[in-house]
Protein backbone atom coordinates (compact mmCIF):
# COMPACT_ATOMS: atom_id res chain seq x y z
CA MET A 1 59.55 12.52 -18.08
CA HIS A 2 56.30 14.32 -18.87
CA LYS A 3 54.75 14.26 -22.31
CA LEU A 4 54.73 17.50 -24.23
CA PHE A 5 51.53 19.47 -23.83
CA ASN A 6 49.96 22.35 -25.75
CA SER A 7 46.98 24.70 -25.46
CA ASN A 8 44.59 21.97 -26.59
CA SER A 9 45.73 19.54 -23.89
CA PRO A 10 43.29 18.86 -21.04
CA ILE A 11 43.15 20.41 -17.60
CA GLY A 12 43.48 17.83 -14.82
CA VAL A 13 41.26 18.30 -11.77
CA PHE A 14 41.25 15.96 -8.79
CA ASP A 15 39.58 15.46 -5.44
CA SER A 16 38.90 12.70 -2.94
CA GLY A 17 35.38 12.31 -4.26
CA ILE A 18 32.53 14.19 -5.88
CA GLY A 19 33.22 17.59 -4.30
CA GLY A 20 35.72 18.67 -6.93
CA LEU A 21 32.91 18.77 -9.47
CA THR A 22 32.11 22.18 -7.97
CA VAL A 23 35.43 23.28 -9.47
CA VAL A 24 34.72 21.55 -12.79
CA LYS A 25 31.38 23.33 -13.04
CA ASN A 26 33.06 26.70 -12.61
CA ILE A 27 35.85 25.87 -15.06
CA ILE A 28 33.28 24.94 -17.70
CA ALA A 29 31.41 28.20 -17.11
CA LYS A 30 34.61 30.29 -17.22
CA MET A 31 36.41 28.39 -20.01
CA PRO A 32 33.87 26.54 -22.20
CA ASN A 33 36.50 25.49 -24.77
CA GLU A 34 38.71 23.61 -22.35
CA ASN A 35 39.06 19.83 -22.27
CA ILE A 36 38.90 18.46 -18.74
CA ILE A 37 39.99 15.28 -16.99
CA TYR A 38 38.49 14.75 -13.56
CA PHE A 39 39.66 12.22 -11.01
CA GLY A 40 37.69 11.30 -7.88
CA ASP A 41 39.25 8.84 -5.45
CA ILE A 42 35.90 7.59 -4.17
CA ALA A 43 37.18 4.22 -2.98
CA ARG A 44 39.47 5.84 -0.43
CA LEU A 45 37.49 8.82 0.83
CA PRO A 46 37.12 10.61 3.13
CA TYR A 47 40.63 12.05 3.04
CA GLY A 48 39.88 14.50 5.83
CA THR A 49 40.37 11.98 8.62
CA LYS A 50 43.47 10.25 7.23
CA SER A 51 47.13 10.79 8.15
CA VAL A 52 49.32 13.26 6.30
CA GLU A 53 51.54 10.44 5.02
CA THR A 54 48.57 8.57 3.57
CA ILE A 55 47.13 11.67 1.90
CA LYS A 56 50.49 12.47 0.30
CA LYS A 57 50.78 8.91 -1.03
CA PHE A 58 47.27 9.03 -2.53
CA ALA A 59 47.95 12.46 -4.06
CA GLU A 60 51.18 11.28 -5.67
CA GLN A 61 49.41 8.32 -7.25
CA THR A 62 46.67 10.55 -8.64
CA VAL A 63 49.01 13.21 -10.01
CA LYS A 64 51.16 10.60 -11.76
CA PHE A 65 47.97 9.30 -13.39
CA LEU A 66 46.96 12.80 -14.54
CA LEU A 67 50.41 13.55 -15.93
CA LYS A 68 50.14 10.45 -18.11
CA GLN A 69 47.03 12.03 -19.66
CA ASN A 70 49.15 14.88 -21.07
CA THR A 71 47.53 17.56 -18.88
CA LYS A 72 48.59 21.19 -19.34
CA ALA A 73 47.60 22.25 -15.82
CA ILE A 74 46.61 20.52 -12.61
CA VAL A 75 44.00 21.81 -10.19
CA ILE A 76 44.02 20.52 -6.62
CA ALA A 77 40.28 20.67 -5.95
CA CYS A 78 40.63 19.12 -2.51
CA ASN A 79 41.47 21.42 0.41
CA THR A 80 42.69 18.48 2.49
CA ILE A 81 45.24 17.53 -0.16
CA ALA A 82 46.20 21.16 -0.72
CA SER A 83 46.79 21.65 3.00
CA VAL A 84 49.46 18.95 3.25
CA ALA A 85 50.68 17.93 -0.22
CA THR A 86 50.86 20.96 -2.54
CA ASP A 87 54.66 21.14 -2.51
CA THR A 88 54.91 17.43 -3.26
CA ILE A 89 52.51 17.78 -6.19
CA LYS A 90 54.33 20.81 -7.63
CA THR A 91 57.58 18.86 -7.58
CA LEU A 92 55.96 16.00 -9.48
CA ALA A 93 54.29 18.34 -11.97
CA ASN A 94 57.58 20.08 -12.76
CA GLU A 95 56.88 22.59 -15.56
CA ILE A 96 53.11 22.09 -15.47
CA PRO A 97 51.30 24.77 -13.43
CA VAL A 98 49.55 23.59 -10.27
CA ILE A 99 46.64 25.65 -8.95
CA ASP A 100 45.36 24.79 -5.51
CA ILE A 101 41.99 25.62 -4.06
CA LEU A 102 43.29 26.49 -0.59
CA SER A 103 45.56 29.32 -1.74
CA SER A 104 42.79 30.77 -3.90
CA GLY A 105 40.28 30.59 -1.06
CA SER A 106 42.70 32.21 1.37
CA ARG A 107 43.27 35.19 -0.90
CA ALA A 108 39.57 35.66 -1.56
CA GLY A 109 38.73 35.50 2.14
CA ALA A 110 41.50 37.88 3.19
CA PHE A 111 40.41 40.53 0.68
CA ALA A 112 36.69 40.09 1.36
CA SER A 113 36.70 40.62 5.12
CA LYS A 114 35.98 44.14 6.34
CA ASN A 115 36.15 43.58 10.10
CA ASN A 116 39.14 41.16 9.98
CA ASN A 117 37.16 38.29 11.49
CA ILE A 118 37.13 35.24 9.23
CA GLY A 119 35.61 31.83 9.80
CA ILE A 120 36.85 28.64 8.15
CA ILE A 121 35.00 25.35 7.95
CA ALA A 122 36.83 22.30 6.62
CA THR A 123 37.73 18.67 7.26
CA PRO A 124 39.66 17.77 10.44
CA THR A 125 42.92 17.28 8.51
CA THR A 126 42.67 20.69 6.84
CA ILE A 127 41.86 22.39 10.15
CA ASN A 128 44.64 20.57 12.01
CA SER A 129 47.18 21.48 9.33
CA ASN A 130 46.64 25.18 10.13
CA ALA A 131 47.18 25.81 6.40
CA TYR A 132 44.40 28.38 6.00
CA PRO A 133 45.45 30.57 8.95
CA ILE A 134 49.08 30.47 7.80
CA ALA A 135 48.15 31.47 4.24
CA ILE A 136 45.77 34.22 5.37
CA LYS A 137 48.18 35.67 7.95
CA LYS A 138 50.81 36.04 5.21
CA LEU A 139 48.37 38.34 3.44
CA ASN A 140 47.11 40.25 6.47
CA LYS A 141 48.51 39.77 9.99
CA GLU A 142 45.59 41.72 11.50
CA ILE A 143 42.98 39.11 10.57
CA HIS A 144 41.50 36.96 13.31
CA ILE A 145 40.70 33.43 12.17
CA PHE A 146 38.18 31.07 13.73
CA SER A 147 38.23 27.48 12.50
CA GLN A 148 35.68 24.70 12.74
CA ALA A 149 36.09 21.09 11.62
CA CYS A 150 32.91 19.70 10.02
CA GLU A 151 33.68 16.00 9.75
CA LEU A 152 30.16 14.79 8.90
CA PHE A 153 29.46 17.07 5.94
CA VAL A 154 31.42 15.02 3.36
CA PRO A 155 29.69 11.66 4.09
CA PHE A 156 26.29 13.35 3.75
CA ILE A 157 27.19 15.03 0.47
CA GLU A 158 28.83 11.92 -1.00
CA ALA A 159 25.58 10.08 -0.24
CA GLY A 160 23.69 12.71 -2.23
CA ILE A 161 22.07 14.22 0.87
CA THR A 162 22.30 17.99 0.44
CA HIS A 163 18.88 18.99 1.82
CA HIS A 164 17.75 17.19 4.95
CA LYS A 165 16.63 18.05 8.46
CA ALA A 166 19.42 15.94 9.98
CA LEU A 167 22.04 17.78 7.90
CA GLU A 168 20.58 21.12 8.96
CA LEU A 169 20.77 20.19 12.65
CA ILE A 170 24.38 19.06 12.29
CA ALA A 171 25.25 22.24 10.41
CA LYS A 172 23.72 24.40 13.14
CA ASP A 173 25.78 22.57 15.75
CA TYR A 174 29.00 23.08 13.75
CA LEU A 175 28.35 26.72 12.85
CA GLN A 176 26.98 28.08 16.12
CA PRO A 177 30.45 28.65 17.67
CA LEU A 178 31.45 30.75 14.64
CA LYS A 179 28.38 32.94 15.02
CA THR A 180 29.64 34.09 18.43
CA HIS A 181 32.84 35.58 16.96
CA ASN A 182 31.30 38.34 14.83
CA ILE A 183 32.78 36.98 11.60
CA ASP A 184 31.82 38.78 8.39
CA THR A 185 33.39 36.20 6.06
CA LEU A 186 33.19 32.40 5.98
CA ILE A 187 35.47 30.32 3.78
CA LEU A 188 34.13 26.98 2.59
CA GLY A 189 37.39 25.10 3.14
CA CYS A 190 36.28 21.88 1.46
CA SER A 191 35.25 21.52 -2.19
CA HIS A 192 32.21 19.50 -1.12
CA TYR A 193 30.72 22.31 0.95
CA PRO A 194 29.43 24.52 -1.91
CA LEU A 195 26.91 21.73 -2.52
CA ILE A 196 25.28 22.68 0.80
CA LYS A 197 25.98 26.41 0.54
CA ASP A 198 22.29 27.32 0.87
CA THR A 199 22.04 25.51 4.20
CA ILE A 200 25.24 27.10 5.49
CA SER A 201 24.25 30.57 4.33
CA SER A 202 20.80 30.38 5.90
CA ILE A 203 22.35 29.51 9.27
CA MET A 204 25.10 32.17 9.14
CA GLY A 205 22.77 34.95 7.98
CA LYS A 206 22.90 37.56 5.23
CA ASP A 207 25.62 39.65 6.91
CA VAL A 208 28.24 36.92 6.46
CA GLU A 209 29.84 36.65 3.02
CA ILE A 210 30.36 33.05 1.96
CA ILE A 211 33.61 32.47 0.04
CA ASP A 212 33.49 29.59 -2.42
CA PRO A 213 37.09 28.70 -3.36
CA ALA A 214 35.75 26.59 -6.25
CA ILE A 215 34.97 29.89 -7.98
CA THR A 216 38.23 31.64 -7.12
CA VAL A 217 40.45 28.70 -8.11
CA SER A 218 38.74 28.61 -11.52
CA GLU A 219 39.46 32.31 -11.97
CA GLU A 220 43.10 31.80 -11.01
CA LEU A 221 43.37 28.91 -13.47
CA PHE A 222 42.04 31.15 -16.24
CA TYR A 223 44.58 33.90 -15.53
CA THR A 224 47.42 31.36 -15.32
CA LEU A 225 46.57 29.78 -18.67
CA GLU A 226 46.07 33.21 -20.24
CA LYS A 227 49.44 34.43 -18.96
CA ASN A 228 51.12 31.29 -20.34
CA HIS A 229 49.28 31.62 -23.66
CA ASN A 230 47.76 28.21 -23.03
CA LEU A 231 44.02 28.89 -23.24
CA ASN A 232 42.25 26.56 -25.65
CA LEU A 233 40.99 28.81 -28.44
CA GLN A 234 39.69 26.02 -30.67
CA GLN A 235 35.95 26.05 -31.32
CA LYS A 236 35.64 22.26 -31.17
CA VAL A 237 33.28 20.57 -28.74
CA PRO A 238 35.36 19.97 -25.59
CA THR A 239 35.83 16.52 -24.07
CA TYR A 240 35.17 15.76 -20.42
CA ASN A 241 36.67 12.53 -19.08
CA PHE A 242 35.81 11.33 -15.59
CA TYR A 243 37.80 8.73 -13.67
CA VAL A 244 36.86 7.24 -10.30
CA THR A 245 38.17 4.43 -8.14
CA ASP A 246 34.73 3.07 -7.16
CA LYS A 247 30.94 3.43 -7.46
CA PRO A 248 30.62 4.89 -10.96
CA ILE A 249 26.82 4.64 -11.00
CA HIS A 250 26.46 6.56 -7.75
CA PHE A 251 29.02 9.16 -8.86
CA GLN A 252 27.37 9.49 -12.25
CA LYS A 253 23.88 9.97 -10.83
CA ILE A 254 24.89 12.76 -8.46
CA GLY A 255 27.45 14.28 -10.83
CA GLU A 256 25.12 14.55 -13.82
CA LYS A 257 22.46 16.15 -11.66
CA PHE A 258 24.92 18.73 -10.38
CA LEU A 259 26.71 19.47 -13.68
CA HIS A 260 23.49 19.37 -15.73
CA ARG A 261 25.21 17.26 -18.38
CA SER A 262 25.74 13.58 -19.09
CA MET A 263 28.97 11.84 -18.11
CA GLU A 264 29.51 9.85 -21.28
CA LYS A 265 33.17 9.14 -20.56
CA LEU A 266 33.31 7.65 -17.08
CA GLU A 267 35.78 4.93 -16.11
CA ILE A 268 36.96 3.09 -13.02
CA VAL A 269 40.73 3.00 -12.53
CA ASN A 270 42.92 1.28 -9.97
CA LEU A 271 45.85 3.45 -8.91
CA THR A 272 47.52 0.70 -6.89
CA GLU A 273 48.26 -1.51 -9.89
């Protein structure tokens, strides 16, 4: 049974690692009064190369942890999880709204494209799930979708390498096939990828609109909370709690640099206990 929550309860955001902080950053910008709990399963990443059964098990453990924190909404900031476990998470969350980054990104991409040619870059699991094409086709059957798995991006980003010649060469190799399909829209189908958006954009060129689902999922969260009369209207200083399963120093160093704020409340938790 879930605890009762109210408008002052925190928003729960989770990802396999540091990438979901791109969502946190946008939530803070959009809703500065909101309390946030972030969970990064660093010990078990990357999720993008794991089996569907394993990802679902990890997601269930994380969501149960977040529900114990009296969250009023849950944001799936990981496209890989969203692609295979959203229904499972919604069942666990029960009356608590669940906003997933994949659905938000799909809608934004479908409405942004003018020539109906959309590119998607994501982890192998997300690409293999076919979740983005299915979601986009429901919105517009005329859209042509070209997908590319970018397996090496997450390890680079988790290591704090977001500007490097090696990363640029790998990105060119991944993105070149998409450039041959005359796409006018590219969806960043992994929450880590906005951290290397400049590199991706420079390779794709100015005529390709880059869709960052971390922005659109934050907007959807705002409208959901507003509709449910659950926005935090208190003028108190919000609290940001960060939980990880490993490497807090590494996470803190990169996270503070990206969020431009200190992570005063950072803890290691073990979900298997």
